[in-house]
Amino acid sequence: MEESNTVENVAASELRQFIERVERLEEERQGIADDIKDIFGEAKSRGYDTKAMKTIIRLRKKDANERAEEESILQTYMAALGME
């Protein structure tokens, strides 16, 4: 019985550590999200289009081939809908 109690305490302690680590990271993530929001707010106040900036950031995450394929599909769909 005593050994079982010790195992439960160790597991509870380890579980608590995992949870606390995740909680700290979530706090950091929220801080980073707030910083990003502030940057977009500053850019908007200076006249930049933040929607376009977000699109550019999303596109920069992709490699050139993936971007070209996406643009080609978009052009094809737009043409099919008479949007060109």
Protein backbone atom coordinates (compact mmCIF):
# COMPACT_ATOMS: atom_id res chain seq x y z
CA MET A 1 0.00 0.00 0.00
CA GLU A 2 2.83 2.38 0.88
CA GLU A 3 4.59 1.76 -2.45
CA SER A 4 1.35 2.45 -4.35
CA ASN A 5 0.94 5.75 -2.51
CA THR A 6 4.50 6.75 -3.43
CA VAL A 7 3.89 5.95 -7.11
CA GLU A 8 0.71 8.02 -7.06
CA ASN A 9 2.59 10.94 -5.49
CA VAL A 10 5.35 10.73 -8.08
CA ALA A 11 2.81 10.52 -10.92
CA ALA A 12 0.83 13.43 -9.47
CA SER A 13 4.00 15.49 -9.13
CA GLU A 14 5.06 14.72 -12.70
CA LEU A 15 1.56 15.46 -13.99
CA ARG A 16 1.54 18.78 -12.14
CA GLN A 17 4.88 19.69 -13.73
CA PHE A 18 3.58 18.94 -17.22
CA ILE A 19 0.47 21.02 -16.62
CA GLU A 20 2.44 23.94 -15.20
CA ARG A 21 4.82 23.87 -18.17
CA VAL A 22 1.88 24.02 -20.59
CA GLU A 23 0.31 26.84 -18.60
CA ARG A 24 3.54 28.86 -18.75
CA LEU A 25 3.80 28.32 -22.50
CA GLU A 26 0.18 29.38 -22.98
CA GLU A 27 0.94 32.60 -21.08
CA GLU A 28 3.95 33.21 -23.32
CA ARG A 29 1.88 32.48 -26.42
CA GLN A 30 -0.74 35.02 -25.30
CA GLY A 31 2.01 37.58 -24.72
CA ILE A 32 3.37 36.97 -28.22
CA ALA A 33 -0.13 37.21 -29.72
CA ASP A 34 -0.60 40.54 -27.94
CA ASP A 35 2.75 41.77 -29.32
CA ILE A 36 1.76 40.77 -32.86
CA LYS A 37 -1.58 42.55 -32.45
CA ASP A 38 0.27 45.68 -31.31
CA ILE A 39 2.55 45.55 -34.37
CA PHE A 40 -0.43 45.27 -36.72
CA GLY A 41 -2.11 48.14 -34.88
CA GLU A 42 0.98 50.30 -35.32
CA ALA A 43 1.23 49.40 -39.02
CA LYS A 44 -2.46 50.21 -39.52
CA SER A 45 -2.05 53.57 -37.79
CA ARG A 46 0.71 54.36 -40.29
CA GLY A 47 -1.57 53.60 -43.21
CA TYR A 48 -0.58 50.02 -44.07
CA ASP A 49 -3.22 47.47 -45.08
CA THR A 50 -2.92 44.82 -42.39
CA LYS A 51 -5.01 42.30 -44.33
CA ALA A 52 -2.48 42.47 -47.18
CA MET A 53 0.38 42.19 -44.67
CA LYS A 54 -1.16 39.03 -43.18
CA THR A 55 -1.54 37.57 -46.67
CA ILE A 56 2.10 38.28 -47.43
CA ILE A 57 3.18 36.66 -44.15
CA ARG A 58 1.10 33.58 -44.97
CA LEU A 59 2.58 33.39 -48.48
CA ARG A 60 6.15 33.82 -47.25
CA LYS A 61 5.74 30.67 -45.16
CA LYS A 62 5.29 28.63 -48.35
CA ASP A 63 7.99 27.66 -50.80
CA ALA A 64 7.95 29.11 -54.31
CA ASN A 65 6.50 25.97 -55.94
CA GLU A 66 3.65 25.73 -53.46
CA ARG A 67 2.89 29.43 -53.95
CA ALA A 68 2.95 29.12 -57.74
CA GLU A 69 0.61 26.12 -57.63
CA GLU A 70 -1.82 27.95 -55.35
CA GLU A 71 -1.78 31.02 -57.60
CA SER A 72 -2.34 28.87 -60.70
CA ILE A 73 -5.35 27.16 -59.14
CA LEU A 74 -6.72 30.51 -58.00
CA GLN A 75 -6.38 31.94 -61.53
CA THR A 76 -8.09 28.88 -62.99
CA TYR A 77 -11.02 29.16 -60.56
CA MET A 78 -11.33 32.90 -61.13
CA ALA A 79 -11.39 32.38 -64.90
CA ALA A 80 -14.04 29.67 -64.54
CA LEU A 81 -16.20 32.11 -62.59
CA GLY A 82 -15.64 34.95 -65.08
CA MET A 83 -13.74 37.04 -62.58
CA GLU A 84 -10.82 37.92 -64.85
